[in-house]
Protein backbone atom coordinates (compact mmCIF):
# COMPACT_ATOMS: atom_id res chain seq x y z
CA MET A 1 110.39 102.30 178.78
CA ASN A 2 113.50 100.89 180.35
CA PHE A 3 112.96 97.13 180.57
CA PRO A 4 114.85 95.08 183.15
CA ASP A 5 116.05 91.61 182.33
CA TYR A 6 112.88 89.65 183.01
CA ASP A 7 114.59 86.28 183.47
CA ASP A 8 117.01 87.74 186.02
CA SER A 9 114.23 89.54 187.89
CA THR A 10 112.14 86.35 188.20
CA ALA A 11 115.02 83.96 188.94
CA PHE A 12 113.85 83.75 192.57
CA LEU A 13 110.96 81.52 191.40
CA GLY A 14 113.31 78.74 190.32
CA ASP A 15 113.00 76.78 187.09
CA TRP A 16 110.63 73.91 187.83
CA GLY A 17 108.42 74.49 190.85
CA PRO A 18 104.70 73.72 191.31
CA PHE A 19 103.75 76.97 189.55
CA GLN A 20 105.76 76.16 186.41
CA LYS A 21 104.57 72.54 186.40
CA THR A 22 100.94 73.64 186.64
CA VAL A 23 101.25 76.18 183.82
CA PHE A 24 103.18 73.70 181.67
CA PHE A 25 100.65 70.87 182.05
CA LEU A 26 97.47 72.95 181.77
CA LEU A 27 98.63 74.82 178.67
CA CYS A 28 99.59 71.52 177.08
CA LEU A 29 96.14 70.10 177.89
CA SER A 30 94.53 73.04 176.08
CA ILE A 31 96.39 72.00 172.90
CA ILE A 32 94.85 68.50 172.62
CA PRO A 33 91.62 69.59 170.82
CA ASN A 34 93.72 71.22 168.10
CA GLY A 35 95.23 67.85 167.17
CA PHE A 36 92.02 66.17 166.12
CA THR A 37 90.18 69.29 164.89
CA GLY A 38 92.92 70.37 162.50
CA LEU A 39 93.21 66.98 160.79
CA SER A 40 89.63 65.71 161.07
CA MET A 41 89.17 65.98 157.29
CA VAL A 42 91.30 62.83 156.94
CA PHE A 43 88.13 60.93 157.88
CA MET A 44 85.29 63.42 157.50
CA GLY A 45 86.36 64.27 153.96
CA ASP A 46 87.48 60.85 152.75
CA THR A 47 85.86 59.54 149.58
CA PRO A 48 84.35 56.04 149.94
CA ALA A 49 84.20 53.65 147.00
CA HIS A 50 81.17 54.63 144.94
CA ARG A 51 79.32 54.11 141.68
CA CYS A 52 76.15 55.34 140.04
CA LEU A 53 72.93 54.49 141.80
CA ILE A 54 70.52 52.22 139.95
CA PRO A 55 67.10 53.02 141.48
CA ALA A 56 65.60 50.07 143.31
CA ALA A 57 62.21 51.00 141.84
CA LEU A 58 63.51 50.50 138.30
CA ASN A 59 62.02 47.23 137.10
CA ILE A 60 64.94 45.49 135.36
CA THR A 61 66.39 42.00 135.71
CA ASP A 62 69.32 41.27 138.01
CA GLU A 63 71.50 40.53 134.99
CA TRP A 64 70.91 44.00 133.57
CA ARG A 65 71.23 45.62 136.99
CA ASN A 66 74.72 44.09 137.30
CA ALA A 67 75.65 45.16 133.76
CA ALA A 68 74.30 48.70 134.02
CA ILE A 69 77.61 50.11 135.30
CA PRO A 70 80.36 50.11 132.63
CA LEU A 71 83.87 48.86 133.31
CA GLU A 72 86.87 51.13 132.83
CA GLU A 73 90.60 50.68 132.99
CA ASP A 74 92.36 51.51 136.26
CA GLU A 75 95.74 52.73 135.00
CA GLU A 76 97.33 52.76 138.46
CA ASN A 77 96.50 49.13 139.31
CA ARG A 78 96.35 48.01 135.67
CA ASP A 79 93.00 46.24 135.97
CA SER A 80 89.32 46.94 135.34
CA ARG A 81 86.86 48.52 137.77
CA PHE A 82 83.31 49.77 137.72
CA SER A 83 82.97 53.37 136.58
CA LYS A 84 82.50 55.86 139.40
CA CYS A 85 80.85 58.57 137.36
CA SER A 86 78.83 57.02 134.54
CA ARG A 87 76.32 54.31 133.77
CA HIS A 88 74.67 52.91 130.66
CA ARG A 89 71.55 54.77 129.59
CA MET A 90 68.72 53.49 131.76
CA ASP A 91 66.03 53.86 129.10
CA VAL A 92 67.99 51.57 126.76
CA VAL A 93 68.79 49.08 129.53
CA LYS A 94 65.11 49.02 130.57
CA SER A 95 64.07 48.38 126.97
CA TYR A 96 66.45 45.40 126.61
CA SER A 97 65.36 44.01 129.99
CA ASP A 98 61.64 44.25 129.13
CA ARG A 99 62.28 42.36 125.87
CA GLY A 100 63.98 39.52 127.76
CA LEU A 101 67.41 40.01 126.15
CA LEU A 102 70.51 39.06 128.12
CA PRO A 103 73.62 41.25 128.45
CA TRP A 104 76.73 39.97 126.61
CA VAL A 105 74.66 37.09 125.21
CA ASP A 106 72.08 38.91 123.11
CA VAL A 107 73.45 42.43 123.45
CA ASN A 108 77.00 43.85 123.32
CA VAL A 109 76.77 46.02 126.46
CA SER A 110 79.85 48.09 125.58
CA ASP A 111 77.93 49.50 122.58
CA ILE A 112 75.22 51.00 124.80
CA ALA A 113 75.52 54.77 125.23
CA GLN A 114 76.48 56.10 128.64
CA GLU A 115 75.10 58.87 130.86
CA GLY A 116 76.03 60.53 134.14
CA CYS A 117 74.79 59.47 137.56
CA LEU A 118 71.40 61.13 137.18
CA ASP A 119 69.95 59.40 140.25
CA GLY A 120 72.96 60.02 142.48
CA TRP A 121 75.50 57.53 143.80
CA GLU A 122 75.66 54.54 146.08
CA TYR A 123 78.60 54.42 148.48
CA ASP A 124 80.43 51.56 150.12
CA THR A 125 79.66 51.57 153.86
CA GLY A 126 82.31 49.05 154.87
CA THR A 127 84.66 51.80 156.12
CA TYR A 128 82.30 54.67 156.90
CA ILE A 129 78.63 55.09 157.66
CA SER A 130 78.85 58.56 156.16
CA THR A 131 81.35 61.31 155.32
CA ILE A 132 80.69 64.80 154.01
CA VAL A 133 81.57 63.40 150.58
CA SER A 134 78.86 60.73 150.67
CA GLU A 135 76.31 63.03 152.33
CA TRP A 136 76.59 65.84 149.77
CA ASP A 137 77.87 63.83 146.77
CA LEU A 138 81.25 65.59 146.47
CA VAL A 139 82.39 63.25 143.70
CA CYS A 140 82.89 63.22 139.94
CA SER A 141 82.20 66.70 138.58
CA ASP A 142 82.05 68.01 142.15
CA ASP A 143 85.16 66.24 143.43
CA TRP A 144 86.98 69.61 143.62
CA ARG A 145 84.81 70.51 146.60
CA ALA A 146 86.47 68.00 148.94
CA PRO A 147 89.98 69.54 148.76
CA LEU A 148 88.38 72.98 148.75
CA THR A 149 86.77 72.16 152.11
CA SER A 150 90.20 71.56 153.65
CA SER A 151 91.56 74.68 151.97
CA LEU A 152 88.72 76.81 153.37
CA PHE A 153 89.53 75.53 156.87
CA PHE A 154 93.13 76.64 156.36
CA CYS A 155 91.87 79.98 155.00
CA GLY A 156 90.21 80.38 158.38
CA VAL A 157 93.50 79.46 160.01
CA LEU A 158 95.22 82.11 157.89
CA THR A 159 92.64 84.73 158.88
CA GLY A 160 92.97 83.78 162.54
CA SER A 161 96.73 84.11 162.25
CA VAL A 162 96.37 87.67 160.97
CA ILE A 163 93.86 88.78 163.60
CA SER A 164 94.84 86.89 166.72
CA GLY A 165 98.52 87.87 166.82
CA GLN A 166 97.77 91.58 167.07
CA MET A 167 94.83 90.95 169.40
CA SER A 168 97.05 88.92 171.70
CA ASP A 169 99.75 91.58 171.77
CA ARG A 170 97.13 94.22 172.51
CA PHE A 171 94.61 92.50 174.81
CA GLY A 172 96.70 89.75 176.37
CA ARG A 173 97.60 86.12 175.79
CA LYS A 174 95.08 84.63 178.20
CA LYS A 175 92.00 86.44 176.88
CA VAL A 176 92.74 85.53 173.28
CA LEU A 177 93.55 81.93 174.28
CA PHE A 178 90.17 81.31 175.88
CA VAL A 179 88.00 83.41 173.58
CA THR A 180 89.34 81.59 170.51
CA MET A 181 89.15 78.23 172.30
CA GLY A 182 85.46 78.95 172.87
CA ILE A 183 85.00 79.91 169.21
CA GLN A 184 86.60 76.65 168.08
CA THR A 185 84.51 74.51 170.43
CA VAL A 186 81.12 76.20 169.95
CA PHE A 187 81.33 76.40 166.17
CA THR A 188 82.47 72.78 165.93
CA PHE A 189 79.31 71.88 167.86
CA ILE A 190 77.16 73.98 165.49
CA GLN A 191 78.90 72.31 162.55
CA VAL A 192 77.37 68.97 163.58
CA PHE A 193 73.99 70.27 162.43
CA SER A 194 75.15 71.64 159.06
CA PRO A 195 72.28 71.32 156.54
CA SER A 196 74.48 71.80 153.47
CA TRP A 197 78.07 71.72 152.27
CA LEU A 198 78.15 75.51 151.98
CA ILE A 199 77.11 76.02 155.62
CA PHE A 200 79.60 73.34 156.72
CA CYS A 201 82.43 75.19 154.94
CA LEU A 202 81.45 78.54 156.44
CA LEU A 203 81.48 77.06 159.95
CA PHE A 204 84.71 75.18 159.23
CA PHE A 205 86.31 78.49 158.25
CA ILE A 206 85.39 79.97 161.65
CA VAL A 207 86.64 76.84 163.44
CA GLY A 208 89.96 77.30 161.64
CA MET A 209 90.18 80.88 162.89
CA GLY A 210 89.77 79.72 166.47
CA GLN A 211 92.05 76.70 166.14
CA ILE A 212 95.26 78.48 165.22
CA SER A 213 94.58 81.46 167.47
CA ASN A 214 94.41 79.48 170.70
CA TYR A 215 97.36 77.29 169.67
CA VAL A 216 99.68 80.27 169.09
CA ALA A 217 98.42 82.09 172.20
CA ALA A 218 99.06 79.01 174.37
CA PHE A 219 102.50 78.56 172.86
CA VAL A 220 103.53 82.18 173.44
CA LEU A 221 102.03 82.24 176.94
CA GLY A 222 104.13 79.25 177.97
CA MET A 223 107.28 80.58 176.32
CA GLU A 224 106.92 83.86 178.24
CA ILE A 225 106.09 82.36 181.64
CA LEU A 226 108.50 79.43 181.74
CA SER A 227 112.21 79.79 182.38
CA PRO A 228 114.78 79.45 179.55
CA SER A 229 115.76 75.93 180.63
CA ILE A 230 112.16 74.73 180.24
CA ARG A 231 111.23 76.50 176.98
CA ASP A 232 112.82 73.92 174.69
CA ILE A 233 111.01 71.01 176.28
CA TYR A 234 107.76 73.02 176.38
CA SER A 235 107.91 73.80 172.66
CA THR A 236 108.66 70.18 171.66
CA LEU A 237 107.68 67.59 174.28
CA GLY A 238 105.06 70.03 175.57
CA VAL A 239 102.67 71.65 173.11
CA CYS A 240 103.76 69.66 170.06
CA LEU A 241 103.56 66.31 171.87
CA PHE A 242 100.09 67.08 173.20
CA PHE A 243 99.04 68.14 169.70
CA SER A 244 100.26 64.71 168.54
CA ILE A 245 98.27 63.05 171.34
CA GLY A 246 95.16 64.77 170.01
CA TYR A 247 96.16 63.64 166.52
CA MET A 248 96.49 60.04 167.74
CA MET A 249 93.04 60.26 169.31
CA LEU A 250 91.58 61.08 165.88
CA PRO A 251 91.88 57.61 164.24
CA LEU A 252 90.83 55.92 167.50
CA ALA A 253 87.67 58.03 167.69
CA ALA A 254 87.01 57.67 163.96
CA TYR A 255 87.31 53.87 164.19
CA PHE A 256 84.42 53.69 166.66
CA LEU A 257 82.41 56.63 165.28
CA ARG A 258 81.98 55.98 161.56
CA ASP A 259 79.44 58.78 161.06
CA TRP A 260 81.02 62.21 160.52
CA ARG A 261 78.41 64.05 162.61
CA MET A 262 78.94 61.80 165.64
CA LEU A 263 82.71 62.16 165.20
CA LEU A 264 82.45 65.96 165.23
CA LEU A 265 80.18 65.86 168.27
CA ALA A 266 82.78 63.82 170.16
CA PHE A 267 85.43 66.41 169.27
CA THR A 268 83.56 69.18 171.11
CA ILE A 269 83.66 67.46 174.52
CA PRO A 270 87.37 68.08 175.38
CA GLY A 271 87.01 71.71 174.28
CA PHE A 272 84.25 72.41 176.80
CA PHE A 273 86.36 70.90 179.58
CA CYS A 274 89.39 72.99 178.54
CA MET A 275 87.34 76.18 179.00
CA LEU A 276 87.40 75.48 182.74
CA LEU A 277 91.16 76.09 182.76
CA TRP A 278 90.50 79.86 182.73
CA TRP A 279 90.59 79.87 186.53
CA PHE A 280 93.98 78.13 186.70
CA ILE A 281 96.10 79.64 183.88
CA PRO A 282 97.52 83.13 184.57
CA GLU A 283 98.18 85.99 182.18
CA SER A 284 101.77 86.42 180.99
CA PRO A 285 103.62 88.65 183.49
CA ARG A 286 106.11 89.44 180.74
CA TRP A 287 103.29 90.78 178.54
CA LEU A 288 101.78 92.74 181.44
CA LEU A 289 105.19 94.27 182.06
CA SER A 290 105.48 95.29 178.39
CA GLN A 291 102.13 97.08 178.78
CA GLY A 292 103.25 98.97 181.89
CA ARG A 293 100.88 96.97 184.14
CA VAL A 294 103.60 96.34 186.69
CA ASP A 295 101.33 95.80 189.72
CA GLU A 296 99.40 93.01 187.96
CA ALA A 297 102.61 91.32 186.81
CA GLU A 298 104.03 91.41 190.32
CA ALA A 299 100.78 90.06 191.81
CA ILE A 300 100.99 86.98 189.55
CA LEU A 301 104.65 86.44 190.40
CA ARG A 302 104.02 86.76 194.15
CA LYS A 303 101.28 84.17 193.88
CA ALA A 304 103.69 81.96 191.92
CA ALA A 305 106.33 82.42 194.63
CA LYS A 306 103.81 81.35 197.25
CA MET A 307 103.00 78.20 195.23
CA ASN A 308 106.70 77.42 194.92
CA GLY A 309 107.33 78.03 198.60
CA VAL A 310 109.81 80.87 198.05
CA LYS A 311 109.83 84.49 199.18
CA ALA A 312 109.50 87.19 196.52
CA PRO A 313 111.54 90.40 196.86
CA ASP A 314 109.71 93.48 198.08
CA VAL A 315 110.21 95.11 194.67
CA ILE A 316 110.50 92.68 191.74
CA PHE A 317 110.95 95.24 188.93
CA PRO A 318 112.64 98.26 190.51
CA LEU A 319 113.38 100.10 187.26
CA ILE A 320 109.78 100.53 186.14
CA GLN A 321 107.69 101.15 189.22
CA THR A 322 105.94 104.30 188.03
CA ARG A 323 102.68 103.94 186.19
CA GLU A 324 103.49 107.05 184.15
CA ASN A 325 105.74 104.80 182.08
CA ALA A 326 102.65 103.03 180.75
CA GLY A 327 101.48 106.21 179.12
CA ARG A 328 104.60 106.32 177.00
CA LEU A 329 104.08 102.82 175.61
CA ARG A 330 103.37 102.54 171.94
CA THR A 331 101.40 99.84 170.20
CA TYR A 332 102.85 97.61 167.49
CA SER A 333 101.35 96.12 164.36
CA LEU A 334 102.23 93.97 161.35
CA CYS A 335 103.85 97.03 159.75
CA ASP A 336 106.59 96.90 162.40
CA LEU A 337 107.68 93.52 161.01
CA VAL A 338 109.00 95.22 157.86
CA LYS A 339 110.09 98.66 159.10
CA SER A 340 113.83 98.01 159.08
CA SER A 341 115.89 95.90 156.70
CA ASN A 342 116.94 93.56 159.52
CA ILE A 343 113.51 92.68 160.87
CA CYS A 344 112.09 92.60 157.32
CA CYS A 345 114.76 90.10 156.23
CA ILE A 346 114.11 87.88 159.26
CA THR A 347 110.36 88.00 158.66
CA VAL A 348 110.61 87.16 154.94
CA LEU A 349 112.99 84.24 155.55
CA LEU A 350 110.81 82.83 158.32
CA CYS A 351 107.63 83.20 156.25
CA LEU A 352 109.19 81.21 153.41
CA VAL A 353 110.38 78.47 155.75
CA TRP A 354 107.04 78.30 157.60
CA SER A 355 105.14 78.03 154.32
CA ALA A 356 107.35 75.18 153.07
CA VAL A 357 107.20 73.09 156.23
CA SER A 358 103.44 73.63 156.49
CA VAL A 359 102.66 72.42 152.98
CA GLY A 360 104.74 69.29 153.62
CA TYR A 361 103.33 68.51 157.06
CA CYS A 362 99.69 69.11 156.09
CA ALA A 363 99.92 67.25 152.78
CA LEU A 364 101.50 64.18 154.35
CA SER A 365 98.97 64.21 157.21
CA LEU A 366 95.94 64.60 154.93
CA ASN A 367 97.22 61.97 152.50
CA THR A 368 97.03 59.01 154.91
CA SER A 369 93.70 57.93 153.41
CA SER A 370 95.41 57.43 150.02
CA LEU A 371 98.32 55.32 151.29
CA HIS A 372 98.43 51.55 150.92
CA GLY A 373 96.83 49.71 153.85
CA ASN A 374 94.21 50.38 156.52
CA ILE A 375 93.31 54.08 156.79
CA TYR A 376 92.90 53.99 160.58
CA LEU A 377 96.25 52.30 161.13
CA ASN A 378 97.94 54.59 158.61
CA CYS A 379 96.64 57.68 160.39
CA LEU A 380 97.67 56.31 163.79
CA LEU A 381 101.19 55.59 162.51
CA SER A 382 101.37 59.04 160.92
CA ALA A 383 100.54 60.54 164.33
CA ALA A 384 102.75 58.16 166.33
CA VAL A 385 105.84 58.91 164.20
CA GLU A 386 105.67 62.46 165.54
CA VAL A 387 106.54 61.30 169.07
CA PRO A 388 110.14 60.19 168.29
CA ALA A 389 110.41 63.21 165.98
CA LEU A 390 109.56 65.53 168.87
CA LEU A 391 111.99 63.71 171.16
CA MET A 392 114.74 64.15 168.59
CA ALA A 393 113.81 67.83 168.16
CA TRP A 394 114.06 68.40 171.91
CA LEU A 395 117.49 66.75 172.09
CA MET A 396 118.69 68.80 169.13
CA LEU A 397 117.41 72.07 170.61
CA ARG A 398 119.32 71.43 173.82
CA ARG A 399 122.72 71.24 172.10
CA TRP A 400 122.59 72.29 168.47
CA PRO A 401 122.29 75.80 166.98
CA ARG A 402 118.72 76.61 165.95
CA ARG A 403 119.69 77.11 162.32
CA LEU A 404 121.35 73.70 162.10
CA CYS A 405 118.36 72.02 163.80
CA LEU A 406 115.92 73.57 161.36
CA SER A 407 118.02 73.04 158.24
CA SER A 408 118.84 69.39 158.97
CA THR A 409 115.26 68.33 159.73
CA LEU A 410 113.83 70.13 156.70
CA SER A 411 116.48 68.60 154.45
CA LEU A 412 115.88 65.12 155.89
CA GLY A 413 112.15 65.37 155.31
CA GLY A 414 112.54 66.73 151.79
CA LEU A 415 115.28 64.36 150.67
CA VAL A 416 113.50 61.09 151.53
CA LEU A 417 110.34 62.31 149.78
CA LEU A 418 112.33 62.78 146.56
CA PHE A 419 113.26 59.08 146.64
CA ILE A 420 109.63 57.92 146.53
CA HIS A 421 109.27 58.29 142.77
CA LEU A 422 112.17 55.84 142.34
CA ILE A 423 110.30 53.06 144.19
CA PRO A 424 108.52 50.49 141.96
CA GLN A 425 104.76 50.60 142.27
CA HIS A 426 104.46 47.10 143.75
CA MET A 427 106.80 47.97 146.67
CA ASN A 428 104.10 49.75 148.67
CA SER A 429 105.67 49.06 152.06
CA VAL A 430 108.93 50.76 151.05
CA ALA A 431 107.08 53.82 149.73
CA PHE A 432 105.01 53.95 152.91
CA SER A 433 108.17 53.81 155.04
CA LEU A 434 109.69 56.72 153.12
CA VAL A 435 106.51 58.76 153.57
CA MET A 436 106.64 58.12 157.33
CA LEU A 437 110.33 59.06 157.41
CA GLY A 438 109.53 62.28 155.55
CA LYS A 439 106.75 62.97 158.06
CA PHE A 440 109.28 62.32 160.84
CA GLY A 441 111.64 65.00 159.51
CA LEU A 442 108.94 67.60 158.84
CA SER A 443 107.28 67.00 162.23
CA ALA A 444 110.61 67.67 163.92
CA ALA A 445 111.07 70.81 161.79
CA PHE A 446 107.58 72.06 162.69
CA SER A 447 108.30 71.71 166.42
CA ILE A 448 111.66 73.49 166.04
CA ILE A 449 110.40 76.43 163.99
CA TYR A 450 108.05 77.66 166.74
CA PRO A 451 110.73 78.27 169.41
CA ALA A 452 113.25 79.37 166.78
CA THR A 453 110.81 82.09 165.68
CA ALA A 454 109.71 83.10 169.19
CA GLU A 455 113.32 83.56 170.29
CA LEU A 456 114.09 85.99 167.47
CA TYR A 457 111.28 88.49 168.12
CA PRO A 458 110.82 90.85 171.10
CA THR A 459 107.97 90.63 173.61
CA VAL A 460 106.21 93.66 172.11
CA LEU A 461 105.98 91.90 168.74
CA ARG A 462 106.30 88.20 169.54
CA ASN A 463 102.66 87.16 169.16
CA THR A 464 102.21 89.42 166.12
CA ALA A 465 105.29 87.89 164.50
CA LEU A 466 104.20 84.33 165.24
CA GLY A 467 100.78 85.19 163.85
CA ALA A 468 102.33 86.59 160.67
CA CYS A 469 104.56 83.54 160.22
CA SER A 470 101.63 81.26 160.92
CA MET A 471 99.66 83.24 158.32
CA ALA A 472 102.41 82.60 155.79
CA SER A 473 102.42 78.92 156.68
CA ARG A 474 98.70 78.72 155.92
CA VAL A 475 99.43 79.61 152.32
CA GLY A 476 101.18 76.24 152.32
CA SER A 477 98.31 74.59 154.21
CA ILE A 478 95.72 75.97 151.79
CA SER A 479 97.66 74.64 148.81
CA ALA A 480 98.41 71.25 150.44
CA PRO A 481 95.13 69.56 149.35
CA TYR A 482 95.82 70.59 145.77
CA PHE A 483 99.38 69.26 145.94
CA LEU A 484 97.71 65.93 146.71
CA TYR A 485 95.17 66.49 143.92
CA LEU A 486 98.10 66.52 141.46
CA GLY A 487 98.72 62.89 142.44
CA GLY A 488 95.79 62.00 140.18
CA TYR A 489 97.95 62.94 137.19
CA TYR A 490 101.24 61.46 138.38
CA ARG A 491 101.40 59.46 141.60
CA SER A 492 104.76 60.78 142.81
CA LEU A 493 104.36 64.42 141.72
CA PRO A 494 103.21 65.67 145.17
CA TYR A 495 106.26 64.09 146.84
CA ILE A 496 108.66 65.57 144.27
CA LEU A 497 107.25 69.07 144.75
CA ILE A 498 107.08 68.86 148.57
CA GLY A 499 110.58 67.40 148.81
CA SER A 500 112.11 70.06 146.57
CA VAL A 501 110.42 72.95 148.40
CA ASN A 502 111.56 71.72 151.82
CA ILE A 503 115.18 71.15 150.79
CA LEU A 504 115.25 74.73 149.47
CA SER A 505 113.72 76.07 152.70
CA GLY A 506 116.33 74.12 154.69
CA LEU A 507 119.04 76.04 152.88
CA LEU A 508 117.27 79.37 153.43
CA SER A 509 117.01 78.71 157.19
CA LEU A 510 120.81 78.87 157.44
CA LEU A 511 120.60 82.61 156.74
CA LEU A 512 118.67 83.31 159.98
CA PRO A 513 120.36 84.75 163.09
CA GLU A 514 121.33 82.27 165.81
CA SER A 515 119.43 82.50 169.12
CA LEU A 516 120.86 79.56 171.08
CA GLY A 517 121.71 80.66 174.62
CA SER A 518 120.37 84.20 174.13
CA PRO A 519 117.69 85.73 176.40
CA LEU A 520 114.30 86.53 174.87
CA PRO A 521 114.50 90.09 173.47
CA GLU A 522 112.14 92.59 175.13
CA THR A 523 112.24 95.40 172.55
CA ILE A 524 113.06 95.64 168.85
CA SER A 525 116.46 97.15 169.63
CA HIS A 526 117.36 93.90 171.45
CA MET A 527 116.84 91.76 168.33
CA GLN A 528 119.73 89.97 166.70
CA THR A 529 120.66 90.97 163.17
CA VAL A 530 120.98 89.13 159.90
CA SER A 531 124.43 89.47 158.40
CA GLY A 532 124.46 92.21 155.79
CA THR A 533 121.48 94.16 157.11
CA GLU A 534 121.54 97.43 158.96
CA GLN A 535 120.88 97.64 162.68
CA SER A 536 117.27 98.33 163.63
CA CYS A 537 116.46 102.00 163.97
CA TYR A 538 114.51 101.46 167.19
């Protein structure tokens, strides 16, 4: 098919009329639920202070009840604390109590044998009423299940990235946007009633599939409808800012709803309201055009012209008015992302960069519960730091080459994280500031990589390519909880690894083609090339 220049053909609409403003705002609204759903494990999966439960029915003296939990050395804080995973043998303690002996006076308690928490655990309720950790005892020998829960969510995100990109390129942006939004909302609601950890994880996996699918579909839909002058602000101060607004709502909601089930229930409400946007958000005319559905594309644009108070030309796309063209259209798949050396090189480079920035962003976001200070304030600051990061990203995208924008923000985020291991342990505020500065850089990089990727791929492959890159990024997301898990062996190890990976990805991003000032490619033959690769054969 002979594609006209879409931006030239639709220039009569103007850049920023009522139609564009409506699409911009409503698509951004649909992003808000993703902000608190994607990072809800910060609170739902946090581990409260805990120790072995001493049954209330056990008839022992208060002195022995207080001495039943052994003390152990806390190497990080260099003091003693009650053991989280063991207690003194209850049969021995009961025997000493019945005989009237006193701990540390008549008996050397440290000589008493220890056992596991056979009666379960008791959890501190000062911060939470309940989390999935306290409800299903995901501690001690089962502490691996908490990071696995987050990883399974991101496995769902990975699966959604694989499926939704091709579905969106085949069935349309709008359909996939609202179907997956419904999946995310409905299964989050069902998750509230999870009877076990296994069922919770299965539902969380499905929620992850819906979460990324509607985010990418909304992003691509806006990029294809809005004019070039608006795309940069849409991709940064639009979808990314509204994601951050949802993220900032998370600690506020969690502060007032300390029970994980009530918190999840509150998260479903905005999703149900967003479903009503179906009647106000149009399909992408650019996608319809790529499918040969010219009449439908023109109908949307004529309605948009009416909203903007301008007159549309009698024939908007004169070069492709015959429906027979639609019969000659071919479908595209993930295989097309590696068919030529040029597109394969672009795809591999982007997948590496996406994976690196994702592991850094997700790890720093999920780690707020482990930072010094109040968890709710830490999470709010972690979300709020994204706002100036997005503003900086937007300003950079307006003037700077895409490669320089991406490389500089990735390098900034990675470099400051490498400095954390040099900070003395008692200087918590300095370490916290460096973590927030690292989050600032990686948040900016995350908002830049979406438009940088979308501008490199043609309309026929754009959603598939974004889905594939998002899939690669979820490899980083899945591993992020275990990067944090390594902090149990050496406090600064996660920051060293994340910083190194992102500095390397910043260097790799300089190899990508530059798309600043170029129109969105419509076919594979319109794509820019990486230096040293052959021209696409399409």
